[in-house]
Amino acid sequence: MATVAGQDEVSAHGHTDGAALPTNALPFYDDSVNTTGCCAKFNPEGWDGRRLHFEDKRFLRATTKSAMHVPLNMGRVMERVQTAIAAADAQDPHENVMLSHDPSFWTSEHLIAVTKDVPGEEMTTLSGDFVTRVFEGPFSSIGTWQSEMEAEARKAGSEAKKVYFFYTTCPKCAKAYGKNYVVGVAQI
C-alpha cells in the first residue's frame, strides 16, 4: 500500500494540491487517457490532501447489494443510473465522481456527482467539510484505508462523520493500467 504525495503544482483548473477548493468544487478529473474503452486512466495529481467544502452539493444516490462487502449487482445498477444521467444531460465530465460507502456487509451506497436532478432516480445532497487522501493498492486494503481516513480526520481536528471512497477504475481497468487508485473522502 502506498499513498500518492501531494504536489504544489497548479492543475488545469488553477487549483493546487493541499489547498481548499471553492465551495462544491471537486479536484480536476482528467479523463483524457482511456485506452480500455471503459474507465479513464486516473491521474491522481490534485486529489491528495485536499479540503473540500460542500453546501447542498447534488448527487444521485444509488444502492447495490453486497455479500460481505463484495458487490453483486454493481454493473446492472451503474448501467441504469448512467443511462438516466446521460438522458438528463446531468453529467459534468470534469466531476465524474462516485463516492461509495458500505453501511452494512450487505449494502453499498453510491453518490454520483450530477449537475441537476435526474428523473426517476433518488437525489440527495451533501453539505460539510471533507478531507481527501489518495491510496494505491488492492481493494482488500480498504479496511486499513478506512482507519487511515479516520486518522486524517483527527489530524484535521475532527472525528470522521462518514468515510467515502472514490474507486477511480473498475477492477478490469485497474489491472489494464497497472495501478488501482482509490481516493478516500472523510467528512469532518
Protein backbone atom coordinates (compact mmCIF):
# COMPACT_ATOMS: atom_id res chain seq x y z
CA MET A 1 0.00 0.00 0.00
CA ALA A 2 1.31 3.41 -0.92
CA THR A 3 -0.09 6.88 -0.90
CA VAL A 4 0.47 9.49 -3.53
CA ALA A 5 2.23 12.55 -2.23
CA GLY A 6 0.59 15.89 -2.92
CA GLN A 7 2.44 18.32 -5.14
CA ASP A 8 2.24 22.10 -5.26
CA GLU A 9 1.61 22.32 -8.99
CA VAL A 10 -1.39 24.12 -10.38
CA SER A 11 -3.95 21.87 -12.08
CA ALA A 12 -5.78 22.65 -15.31
CA HIS A 13 -8.44 24.43 -13.24
CA GLY A 14 -5.97 26.56 -11.28
CA HIS A 15 -6.19 24.55 -8.06
CA THR A 16 -3.10 23.46 -6.13
CA ASP A 17 -2.76 20.31 -4.07
CA GLY A 18 -3.46 20.77 -0.40
CA ALA A 19 -5.41 23.97 -0.95
CA ALA A 20 -9.09 24.32 -0.22
CA LEU A 21 -11.25 24.36 -3.32
CA PRO A 22 -14.21 26.69 -3.95
CA THR A 23 -17.50 25.56 -2.43
CA ASN A 24 -18.94 22.46 -4.17
CA ALA A 25 -15.87 22.04 -6.39
CA LEU A 26 -14.02 18.77 -6.79
CA PRO A 27 -10.41 18.42 -7.94
CA PHE A 28 -9.96 18.29 -11.71
CA TYR A 29 -10.86 14.88 -13.14
CA ASP A 30 -8.54 14.21 -16.08
CA ASP A 31 -10.29 11.71 -18.35
CA SER A 32 -8.01 12.35 -21.34
CA VAL A 33 -6.45 8.85 -21.34
CA ASN A 34 -8.86 5.98 -21.90
CA THR A 35 -7.27 3.01 -23.62
CA THR A 36 -9.75 0.46 -22.24
CA GLY A 37 -12.96 1.98 -23.60
CA CYS A 38 -14.33 1.64 -20.06
CA CYS A 39 -12.73 3.68 -17.26
CA ALA A 40 -10.34 6.56 -17.89
CA LYS A 41 -6.83 6.16 -16.51
CA PHE A 42 -6.92 8.07 -13.23
CA ASN A 43 -4.45 10.91 -12.81
CA PRO A 44 -4.04 11.40 -9.04
CA GLU A 45 -2.47 14.87 -9.34
CA GLY A 46 -4.51 17.34 -7.35
CA TRP A 47 -6.54 14.80 -5.38
CA ASP A 48 -4.32 14.04 -2.37
CA GLY A 49 -4.55 16.11 0.79
CA ARG A 50 -7.40 18.33 -0.39
CA ARG A 51 -10.02 20.08 1.69
CA LEU A 52 -13.49 20.12 0.16
CA HIS A 53 -16.48 22.16 1.27
CA PHE A 54 -19.95 21.25 0.03
CA GLU A 55 -23.17 23.19 0.50
CA ASP A 56 -26.09 21.14 -0.78
CA LYS A 57 -23.90 19.59 -3.50
CA ARG A 58 -26.17 17.49 -5.70
CA PHE A 59 -25.68 13.74 -6.07
CA LEU A 60 -27.69 10.87 -7.45
CA ARG A 61 -27.99 8.18 -4.76
CA ALA A 62 -27.94 4.50 -5.78
CA THR A 63 -27.64 1.35 -3.70
CA THR A 64 -26.21 -2.02 -4.62
CA LYS A 65 -26.39 -5.40 -2.96
CA SER A 66 -23.24 -6.90 -1.49
CA ALA A 67 -22.12 -10.12 0.13
CA MET A 68 -19.57 -9.30 2.81
CA HIS A 69 -18.71 -6.03 1.00
CA VAL A 70 -18.33 -7.71 -2.40
CA PRO A 71 -20.70 -6.04 -4.91
CA LEU A 72 -23.26 -8.32 -6.54
CA ASN A 73 -25.33 -6.13 -8.87
CA MET A 74 -22.99 -3.18 -9.45
CA GLY A 75 -22.89 -3.47 -13.26
CA ARG A 76 -26.67 -3.52 -13.64
CA VAL A 77 -27.25 -0.61 -11.25
CA MET A 78 -24.46 1.52 -12.76
CA GLU A 79 -25.76 0.88 -16.29
CA ARG A 80 -29.23 2.06 -15.22
CA VAL A 81 -28.06 5.22 -13.47
CA GLN A 82 -25.50 6.17 -16.15
CA THR A 83 -28.21 5.84 -18.80
CA ALA A 84 -30.52 8.05 -16.73
CA ILE A 85 -27.77 10.63 -16.12
CA ALA A 86 -26.95 10.77 -19.84
CA ALA A 87 -30.63 11.11 -20.78
CA ALA A 88 -30.99 14.03 -18.33
CA ASP A 89 -27.73 15.60 -19.58
CA ALA A 90 -26.70 15.80 -15.91
CA GLN A 91 -23.05 14.70 -16.12
CA ASP A 92 -20.19 17.15 -15.71
CA PRO A 93 -17.20 15.41 -17.36
CA HIS A 94 -14.81 17.18 -15.00
CA GLU A 95 -16.65 15.88 -11.95
CA ASN A 96 -17.03 12.25 -12.96
CA VAL A 97 -17.01 11.10 -9.35
CA MET A 98 -18.87 8.44 -7.42
CA LEU A 99 -18.47 8.36 -3.63
CA SER A 100 -19.19 4.96 -2.11
CA HIS A 101 -19.52 3.55 1.37
CA ASP A 102 -20.90 0.37 2.88
CA PRO A 103 -23.49 0.94 5.59
CA SER A 104 -23.55 -2.86 6.10
CA PHE A 105 -21.96 -6.08 4.86
CA TRP A 106 -24.92 -6.46 2.50
CA THR A 107 -25.49 -2.98 1.05
CA SER A 108 -23.39 -0.27 -0.57
CA GLU A 109 -24.44 3.32 -1.13
CA HIS A 110 -23.10 5.26 -4.11
CA LEU A 111 -23.34 9.03 -4.54
CA ILE A 112 -22.70 10.14 -8.12
CA ALA A 113 -21.98 13.84 -8.70
CA VAL A 114 -24.51 15.36 -11.11
CA THR A 115 -25.28 18.86 -12.36
CA LYS A 116 -29.07 18.64 -11.95
CA ASP A 117 -31.85 16.31 -10.84
CA VAL A 118 -32.18 13.05 -12.75
CA PRO A 119 -35.80 11.98 -13.34
CA GLY A 120 -36.69 8.57 -11.94
CA GLU A 121 -33.64 8.40 -9.65
CA GLU A 122 -33.19 9.22 -5.99
CA MET A 123 -31.44 12.54 -5.46
CA THR A 124 -29.58 13.75 -2.38
CA THR A 125 -27.20 16.49 -1.35
CA LEU A 126 -24.04 16.64 0.75
CA SER A 127 -23.04 19.56 2.95
CA GLY A 128 -19.98 19.91 5.13
CA ASP A 129 -16.21 19.78 5.11
CA PHE A 130 -14.19 16.86 3.79
CA VAL A 131 -10.54 15.81 3.57
CA THR A 132 -9.09 13.58 0.85
CA ARG A 133 -6.27 11.11 0.54
CA VAL A 134 -5.17 9.06 -2.45
CA PHE A 135 -4.33 5.39 -1.96
CA GLU A 136 -2.92 2.86 -4.41
CA GLY A 137 -3.17 -0.85 -3.90
CA PRO A 138 -5.56 -3.80 -3.80
CA PHE A 139 -9.22 -3.38 -2.87
CA SER A 140 -8.53 -5.70 0.08
CA SER A 141 -6.73 -2.75 1.75
CA ILE A 142 -9.99 -0.86 2.24
CA GLY A 143 -10.16 -1.67 5.97
CA THR A 144 -6.70 -0.17 6.51
CA TRP A 145 -7.59 2.83 4.34
CA GLN A 146 -10.76 3.36 6.39
CA SER A 147 -8.64 3.58 9.55
CA GLU A 148 -6.19 5.92 7.83
CA MET A 149 -9.04 8.22 6.75
CA GLU A 150 -10.31 8.31 10.33
CA ALA A 151 -6.78 9.34 11.38
CA GLU A 152 -6.76 12.04 8.64
CA ALA A 153 -9.98 13.44 10.09
CA ARG A 154 -8.42 13.57 13.56
CA LYS A 155 -5.38 15.37 12.10
CA ALA A 156 -7.85 17.93 10.71
CA GLY A 157 -9.22 18.40 14.23
CA SER A 158 -12.40 16.35 13.96
CA GLU A 159 -13.78 12.85 14.10
CA ALA A 160 -14.79 11.37 10.75
CA LYS A 161 -18.56 11.61 10.47
CA LYS A 162 -18.54 9.35 7.44
CA VAL A 163 -15.85 7.99 5.13
CA TYR A 164 -16.49 7.57 1.42
CA PHE A 165 -14.25 6.04 -1.22
CA PHE A 166 -13.96 7.08 -4.86
CA TYR A 167 -12.97 3.91 -6.72
CA THR A 168 -11.35 5.53 -9.74
CA THR A 169 -11.46 2.47 -12.01
CA CYS A 170 -13.19 -0.89 -12.15
CA PRO A 171 -11.05 -3.96 -11.33
CA LYS A 172 -10.50 -4.80 -15.03
CA CYS A 173 -9.31 -1.29 -15.86
CA ALA A 174 -7.10 -1.13 -12.75
CA LYS A 175 -5.40 -4.31 -13.97
CA ALA A 176 -5.05 -2.91 -17.51
CA TYR A 177 -3.50 0.35 -16.26
CA GLY A 178 -1.31 -1.36 -13.64
CA LYS A 179 -2.48 0.92 -10.82
CA ASN A 180 -5.53 0.82 -8.58
CA TYR A 181 -6.04 4.32 -7.22
CA VAL A 182 -8.73 4.86 -4.61
CA VAL A 183 -9.49 8.28 -3.13
CA GLY A 184 -10.63 8.40 0.49
CA VAL A 185 -13.02 11.26 1.30
CA ALA A 186 -13.75 11.78 5.00
CA GLN A 187 -16.45 14.12 6.22
CA ILE A 188 -15.12 16.08 9.18
